[in-house]
Structures are given as C-alpha cells and as structure tokens.
C-alpha cells in the first residue's frame, strides 16, 4: 500500500479530484496556502496499491498544469531620495508536487 500526497494549485484541484473519483479512487482534499505567491493550493491524499501508483501519477500529470504570471517585485529598502522603478517579472507556478510514501498499516473503519 502507498500513500500519494499531491500538492496542487487550487484551480486544478477540482478537476484532479473528479478525474481520480471517476477512476474509483477514494480521495481526501485539504485546502492549503503556500508557495512563492502564497496562492490557494490543495493537498490531495489517497491510498493506493503499488501497481496503481503510475496510473495516479499519470492522472496528476494530465490534470495539473504549470502557469506563468507577471508580478511586480517588492522594492528593496531605499534611502530617502532614491527612485526605484519595478519591472514586471514572469514567474512560473502551479503544476504538482507529489510524494509517494510507504504505508506500514492501513485500516478502513
């Protein structure tokens, strides 16, 4: 038995949960926040047999996509009289961070 933990972008979480439940996987979704832009994420957890891990990873790859966004960087601390002109910077975020852990014991109560 394996525990798959996927931290995904909030916009992808619903589609991922739908894709997993369509394949009869039992899924737990936890709302979370974090990352570089402090945007909404979701942590999706599911227990699967070892031979199902690759199918789950394929569903995550198909459903969760990286995105690009332009942000204005925070200005550094400046001395009075200095002028700082921020330029938008493109950052990539989203996709998924996935952990696959060995489960020592599993019980459904």
C-alpha atoms as a PDB file:
ATOM      1  CA  UNK A   1       0.000   0.000   0.000  1.00  0.00           C
ATOM      2  CA  UNK A   2       1.215   3.509  -0.887  1.00  0.00           C
ATOM      3  CA  UNK A   3       0.089   6.945   0.245  1.00  0.00           C
ATOM      4  CA  UNK A   4       0.142   9.516  -2.563  1.00  0.00           C
ATOM      5  CA  UNK A   5       0.193  13.146  -1.420  1.00  0.00           C
ATOM      6  CA  UNK A   6      -0.105  15.755  -4.174  1.00  0.00           C
ATOM      7  CA  UNK A   7       0.105  19.491  -3.508  1.00  0.00           C
ATOM      8  CA  UNK A   8      -1.595  21.147  -6.483  1.00  0.00           C
ATOM      9  CA  UNK A   9      -2.775  24.614  -7.499  1.00  0.00           C
ATOM     10  CA  UNK A  10      -6.269  25.463  -6.306  1.00  0.00           C
ATOM     11  CA  UNK A  11      -7.536  25.857  -9.891  1.00  0.00           C
ATOM     12  CA  UNK A  12      -6.512  22.267 -10.717  1.00  0.00           C
ATOM     13  CA  UNK A  13      -7.740  20.599  -7.534  1.00  0.00           C
ATOM     14  CA  UNK A  14     -11.379  20.136  -8.536  1.00  0.00           C
ATOM     15  CA  UNK A  15     -10.529  18.601 -11.897  1.00  0.00           C
ATOM     16  CA  UNK A  16      -7.966  16.308 -10.263  1.00  0.00           C
ATOM     17  CA  UNK A  17     -10.424  15.077  -7.625  1.00  0.00           C
ATOM     18  CA  UNK A  18     -13.029  14.488 -10.358  1.00  0.00           C
ATOM     19  CA  UNK A  19     -10.536  12.558 -12.516  1.00  0.00           C
ATOM     20  CA  UNK A  20      -9.484  10.382  -9.577  1.00  0.00           C
ATOM     21  CA  UNK A  21     -13.020   9.665  -8.371  1.00  0.00           C
ATOM     22  CA  UNK A  22     -14.091   8.832 -11.953  1.00  0.00           C
ATOM     23  CA  UNK A  23     -11.500   6.025 -11.755  1.00  0.00           C
ATOM     24  CA  UNK A  24     -12.975   4.901  -8.384  1.00  0.00           C
ATOM     25  CA  UNK A  25     -10.136   6.199  -6.197  1.00  0.00           C
ATOM     26  CA  UNK A  26     -11.069   7.455  -2.739  1.00  0.00           C
ATOM     27  CA  UNK A  27      -9.619  10.920  -2.326  1.00  0.00           C
ATOM     28  CA  UNK A  28      -9.215  13.381   0.533  1.00  0.00           C
ATOM     29  CA  UNK A  29      -8.767  17.054  -0.372  1.00  0.00           C
ATOM     30  CA  UNK A  30      -7.349  19.570   2.103  1.00  0.00           C
ATOM     31  CA  UNK A  31      -7.294  23.288   1.390  1.00  0.00           C
ATOM     32  CA  UNK A  32      -3.878  24.859   1.939  1.00  0.00           C
ATOM     33  CA  UNK A  33      -1.940  28.015   1.152  1.00  0.00           C
ATOM     34  CA  UNK A  34       1.706  28.448   0.399  1.00  0.00           C
ATOM     35  CA  UNK A  35       4.347  28.655  -2.190  1.00  0.00           C
ATOM     36  CA  UNK A  36       6.090  31.624  -3.695  1.00  0.00           C
ATOM     37  CA  UNK A  37       2.945  33.642  -4.463  1.00  0.00           C
ATOM     38  CA  UNK A  38       1.028  32.477  -1.360  1.00  0.00           C
ATOM     39  CA  UNK A  39      -1.910  31.412  -3.501  1.00  0.00           C
ATOM     40  CA  UNK A  40      -4.539  28.813  -2.691  1.00  0.00           C
ATOM     41  CA  UNK A  41      -3.355  25.237  -3.018  1.00  0.00           C
ATOM     42  CA  UNK A  42      -4.953  21.913  -2.303  1.00  0.00           C
ATOM     43  CA  UNK A  43      -3.326  18.855  -0.810  1.00  0.00           C
ATOM     44  CA  UNK A  44      -4.853  15.708  -2.287  1.00  0.00           C
ATOM     45  CA  UNK A  45      -4.222  12.434  -0.471  1.00  0.00           C
ATOM     46  CA  UNK A  46      -5.125   8.902  -1.470  1.00  0.00           C
ATOM     47  CA  UNK A  47      -4.091   5.397  -0.576  1.00  0.00           C
ATOM     48  CA  UNK A  48      -3.465   3.046  -3.490  1.00  0.00           C
ATOM     49  CA  UNK A  49      -1.899  -0.299  -4.194  1.00  0.00           C
ATOM     50  CA  UNK A  50       1.655  -0.195  -5.514  1.00  0.00           C
ATOM     51  CA  UNK A  51       0.588  -1.166  -9.051  1.00  0.00           C
ATOM     52  CA  UNK A  52      -1.847   1.797  -9.169  1.00  0.00           C
ATOM     53  CA  UNK A  53       0.747   4.485  -8.426  1.00  0.00           C
ATOM     54  CA  UNK A  54       1.722   5.054 -12.072  1.00  0.00           C
ATOM     55  CA  UNK A  55      -1.915   5.477 -13.142  1.00  0.00           C
ATOM     56  CA  UNK A  56      -2.457   8.030 -10.362  1.00  0.00           C
ATOM     57  CA  UNK A  57       0.707   9.921 -11.348  1.00  0.00           C
ATOM     58  CA  UNK A  58      -0.454   9.955 -14.985  1.00  0.00           C
ATOM     59  CA  UNK A  59      -3.810  11.463 -13.943  1.00  0.00           C
ATOM     60  CA  UNK A  60      -1.992  14.129 -11.935  1.00  0.00           C
ATOM     61  CA  UNK A  61       0.256  14.959 -14.919  1.00  0.00           C
ATOM     62  CA  UNK A  62      -2.767  15.251 -17.238  1.00  0.00           C
ATOM     63  CA  UNK A  63      -4.774  17.425 -14.861  1.00  0.00           C
ATOM     64  CA  UNK A  64      -2.301  19.748 -13.118  1.00  0.00           C
ATOM     65  CA  UNK A  65      -0.511  22.315 -15.254  1.00  0.00           C
ATOM     66  CA  UNK A  66       2.108  24.965 -14.620  1.00  0.00           C
ATOM     67  CA  UNK A  67       1.152  28.573 -15.334  1.00  0.00           C
ATOM     68  CA  UNK A  68       3.014  31.809 -15.905  1.00  0.00           C
ATOM     69  CA  UNK A  69       2.152  35.165 -14.374  1.00  0.00           C
ATOM     70  CA  UNK A  70       3.763  38.588 -14.319  1.00  0.00           C
ATOM     71  CA  UNK A  71       4.279  40.150 -10.900  1.00  0.00           C
ATOM     72  CA  UNK A  72       5.820  43.387  -9.719  1.00  0.00           C
ATOM     73  CA  UNK A  73       8.672  42.642  -7.337  1.00  0.00           C
ATOM     74  CA  UNK A  74       8.698  44.312  -3.948  1.00  0.00           C
ATOM     75  CA  UNK A  75      11.069  47.293  -3.884  1.00  0.00           C
ATOM     76  CA  UNK A  76      14.157  46.969  -1.698  1.00  0.00           C
ATOM     77  CA  UNK A  77      14.513  49.191   1.329  1.00  0.00           C
ATOM     78  CA  UNK A  78      15.647  52.518  -0.042  1.00  0.00           C
ATOM     79  CA  UNK A  79      17.221  55.634   1.342  1.00  0.00           C
ATOM     80  CA  UNK A  80      15.232  58.872   1.136  1.00  0.00           C
ATOM     81  CA  UNK A  81      15.583  60.493  -2.281  1.00  0.00           C
ATOM     82  CA  UNK A  82      16.258  57.223  -4.154  1.00  0.00           C
ATOM     83  CA  UNK A  83      13.980  56.201  -7.011  1.00  0.00           C
ATOM     84  CA  UNK A  84      13.049  52.590  -7.765  1.00  0.00           C
ATOM     85  CA  UNK A  85      11.147  51.574 -10.903  1.00  0.00           C
ATOM     86  CA  UNK A  86       9.910  47.978 -10.619  1.00  0.00           C
ATOM     87  CA  UNK A  87       9.652  45.960 -13.812  1.00  0.00           C
ATOM     88  CA  UNK A  88       7.220  43.046 -14.041  1.00  0.00           C
ATOM     89  CA  UNK A  89       8.882  39.666 -13.675  1.00  0.00           C
ATOM     90  CA  UNK A  90       7.443  36.480 -15.161  1.00  0.00           C
ATOM     91  CA  UNK A  91       7.156  33.612 -12.680  1.00  0.00           C
ATOM     92  CA  UNK A  92       6.008  30.041 -13.241  1.00  0.00           C
ATOM     93  CA  UNK A  93       3.792  28.380 -10.656  1.00  0.00           C
ATOM     94  CA  UNK A  94       1.303  25.563 -10.379  1.00  0.00           C
ATOM     95  CA  UNK A  95       1.754  22.015 -11.542  1.00  0.00           C
ATOM     96  CA  UNK A  96       2.039  19.494  -8.732  1.00  0.00           C
ATOM     97  CA  UNK A  97       4.451  18.391  -6.047  1.00  0.00           C
ATOM     98  CA  UNK A  98       3.869  14.711  -5.356  1.00  0.00           C
ATOM     99  CA  UNK A  99       5.080  12.476  -2.542  1.00  0.00           C
ATOM    100  CA  UNK A 100       4.656   8.691  -2.608  1.00  0.00           C
ATOM    101  CA  UNK A 101       5.082   7.097   0.806  1.00  0.00           C
ATOM    102  CA  UNK A 102       5.134   3.506   2.016  1.00  0.00           C
ATOM    103  CA  UNK A 103       2.197   2.687   4.311  1.00  0.00           C
ATOM    104  CA  UNK A 104       3.049   0.416   7.224  1.00  0.00           C
ATOM    105  CA  UNK A 105      -0.588  -0.258   8.133  1.00  0.00           C
ATOM    106  CA  UNK A 106      -3.952   0.502   6.565  1.00  0.00           C
ATOM    107  CA  UNK A 107      -7.406   0.013   8.081  1.00  0.00           C
ATOM    108  CA  UNK A 108     -10.798   1.117   6.803  1.00  0.00           C
ATOM    109  CA  UNK A 109     -13.123   1.537   9.772  1.00  0.00           C
END
